[in-house]
Amino acid sequence: MSGSYGLASGDILITATSSFGMDYNLGLARYGTAWRHSRREFQAYMGPADLEAYRPLELQAVHRLLRNLLSSPDNFPQHLKQ
């Protein structure tokens, strides 16, 4: 299945996210030893019960992002860094 997707498209996506200050994103990382290790660590500390504690922070961040995008949509990259 991995042969269906070219590496070039993944490289472009990783480069694009890096420009927004997201140097490592588990959801966009290439599958391999480092990915498996990162996913195992992520699952150990971020299970469903753990994530519920972050819900208020997520909602605040989403509301702030939407307000910022409404007021100045041209500053999209800057808004993502906040």
C-alpha atoms as a PDB file:
ATOM      1  CA  MET A   1       0.000   0.000   0.000  1.00  0.00           C
ATOM      2  CA  SER A   2       2.818   2.441   0.795  1.00  0.00           C
ATOM      3  CA  GLY A   3       3.979   2.084  -2.801  1.00  0.00           C
ATOM      4  CA  SER A   4       0.781   3.848  -3.892  1.00  0.00           C
ATOM      5  CA  TYR A   5       1.992   7.138  -2.476  1.00  0.00           C
ATOM      6  CA  GLY A   6       5.038   8.975  -3.733  1.00  0.00           C
ATOM      7  CA  LEU A   7       7.601  10.338  -1.312  1.00  0.00           C
ATOM      8  CA  ALA A   8       7.549  13.682  -3.077  1.00  0.00           C
ATOM      9  CA  SER A   9       4.041  14.508  -1.845  1.00  0.00           C
ATOM     10  CA  GLY A  10       5.044  13.644   1.735  1.00  0.00           C
ATOM     11  CA  ASP A  11       8.153  15.796   1.447  1.00  0.00           C
ATOM     12  CA  ILE A  12       6.074  18.744   0.288  1.00  0.00           C
ATOM     13  CA  LEU A  13       3.623  18.318   3.153  1.00  0.00           C
ATOM     14  CA  ILE A  14       6.409  18.064   5.735  1.00  0.00           C
ATOM     15  CA  THR A  15       8.099  21.141   4.269  1.00  0.00           C
ATOM     16  CA  ALA A  16       4.813  23.047   4.388  1.00  0.00           C
ATOM     17  CA  THR A  17       4.193  22.179   8.031  1.00  0.00           C
ATOM     18  CA  SER A  18       7.771  23.089   8.946  1.00  0.00           C
ATOM     19  CA  SER A  19       7.164  26.606   7.641  1.00  0.00           C
ATOM     20  CA  PHE A  20       4.378  26.926  10.233  1.00  0.00           C
ATOM     21  CA  GLY A  21       6.731  25.940  13.059  1.00  0.00           C
ATOM     22  CA  MET A  22       5.514  22.351  13.223  1.00  0.00           C
ATOM     23  CA  ASP A  23       8.863  20.635  12.786  1.00  0.00           C
ATOM     24  CA  TYR A  24       7.587  17.258  13.949  1.00  0.00           C
ATOM     25  CA  ASN A  25       4.025  16.070  13.618  1.00  0.00           C
ATOM     26  CA  LEU A  26       3.335  12.423  14.432  1.00  0.00           C
ATOM     27  CA  GLY A  27       0.354  12.389  12.085  1.00  0.00           C
ATOM     28  CA  LEU A  28       2.541  13.444   9.167  1.00  0.00           C
ATOM     29  CA  ALA A  29       5.732  11.571  10.058  1.00  0.00           C
ATOM     30  CA  ARG A  30       7.035   8.812   7.847  1.00  0.00           C
ATOM     31  CA  TYR A  31       6.363   5.292   9.064  1.00  0.00           C
ATOM     32  CA  GLY A  32       9.394   3.616  10.514  1.00  0.00           C
ATOM     33  CA  THR A  33      11.256   2.935  13.751  1.00  0.00           C
ATOM     34  CA  ALA A  34      11.127   6.538  14.969  1.00  0.00           C
ATOM     35  CA  TRP A  35       7.412   6.775  14.169  1.00  0.00           C
ATOM     36  CA  ARG A  36       6.629   3.548  16.042  1.00  0.00           C
ATOM     37  CA  HIS A  37       8.604   4.745  19.075  1.00  0.00           C
ATOM     38  CA  SER A  38       6.883   8.142  19.040  1.00  0.00           C
ATOM     39  CA  ARG A  39       3.445   6.584  18.694  1.00  0.00           C
ATOM     40  CA  ARG A  40       4.103   4.187  21.577  1.00  0.00           C
ATOM     41  CA  GLU A  41       5.183   7.105  23.794  1.00  0.00           C
ATOM     42  CA  PHE A  42       2.211   9.183  22.719  1.00  0.00           C
ATOM     43  CA  GLN A  43      -0.249   6.411  23.527  1.00  0.00           C
ATOM     44  CA  ALA A  44       1.335   5.800  26.937  1.00  0.00           C
ATOM     45  CA  TYR A  45       0.706   9.375  28.090  1.00  0.00           C
ATOM     46  CA  MET A  46      -2.197  10.570  25.961  1.00  0.00           C
ATOM     47  CA  GLY A  47      -4.996   8.036  26.320  1.00  0.00           C
ATOM     48  CA  PRO A  48      -8.682   8.994  26.079  1.00  0.00           C
ATOM     49  CA  ALA A  49      -8.956   9.775  29.815  1.00  0.00           C
ATOM     50  CA  ASP A  50      -5.830  11.965  29.692  1.00  0.00           C
ATOM     51  CA  LEU A  51      -7.061  13.909  26.671  1.00  0.00           C
ATOM     52  CA  GLU A  52     -10.330  14.909  28.347  1.00  0.00           C
ATOM     53  CA  ALA A  53      -8.376  17.203  30.676  1.00  0.00           C
ATOM     54  CA  TYR A  54      -7.194  19.216  27.653  1.00  0.00           C
ATOM     55  CA  ARG A  55     -10.705  19.884  26.268  1.00  0.00           C
ATOM     56  CA  PRO A  56     -11.081  23.381  27.838  1.00  0.00           C
ATOM     57  CA  LEU A  57      -7.675  24.435  26.490  1.00  0.00           C
ATOM     58  CA  GLU A  58      -8.531  23.115  23.030  1.00  0.00           C
ATOM     59  CA  LEU A  59     -11.793  25.044  22.966  1.00  0.00           C
ATOM     60  CA  GLN A  60     -10.066  28.263  24.026  1.00  0.00           C
ATOM     61  CA  ALA A  61      -7.412  27.821  21.340  1.00  0.00           C
ATOM     62  CA  VAL A  62      -9.982  27.088  18.623  1.00  0.00           C
ATOM     63  CA  HIS A  63     -12.079  30.113  19.575  1.00  0.00           C
ATOM     64  CA  ARG A  64      -8.986  32.341  19.584  1.00  0.00           C
ATOM     65  CA  LEU A  65      -7.906  31.012  16.175  1.00  0.00           C
ATOM     66  CA  LEU A  66     -11.347  31.602  14.668  1.00  0.00           C
ATOM     67  CA  ARG A  67     -11.563  35.146  16.078  1.00  0.00           C
ATOM     68  CA  ASN A  68      -8.093  35.915  14.718  1.00  0.00           C
ATOM     69  CA  LEU A  69      -8.921  34.478  11.306  1.00  0.00           C
ATOM     70  CA  LEU A  70     -12.084  36.556  11.117  1.00  0.00           C
ATOM     71  CA  SER A  71     -10.244  39.734  12.021  1.00  0.00           C
ATOM     72  CA  SER A  72      -7.170  39.191   9.823  1.00  0.00           C
ATOM     73  CA  PRO A  73      -7.320  36.160   7.494  1.00  0.00           C
ATOM     74  CA  ASP A  74      -4.117  37.199   5.689  1.00  0.00           C
ATOM     75  CA  ASN A  75      -2.123  36.429   8.855  1.00  0.00           C
ATOM     76  CA  PHE A  76      -3.062  32.739   8.780  1.00  0.00           C
ATOM     77  CA  PRO A  77       0.499  31.399   9.387  1.00  0.00           C
ATOM     78  CA  GLN A  78       0.969  33.754  12.335  1.00  0.00           C
ATOM     79  CA  HIS A  79      -2.377  32.741  13.835  1.00  0.00           C
ATOM     80  CA  LEU A  80      -1.371  29.051  13.765  1.00  0.00           C
ATOM     81  CA  LYS A  81       1.740  29.802  15.810  1.00  0.00           C
ATOM     82  CA  GLN A  82      -0.217  31.386  18.654  1.00  0.00           C
END
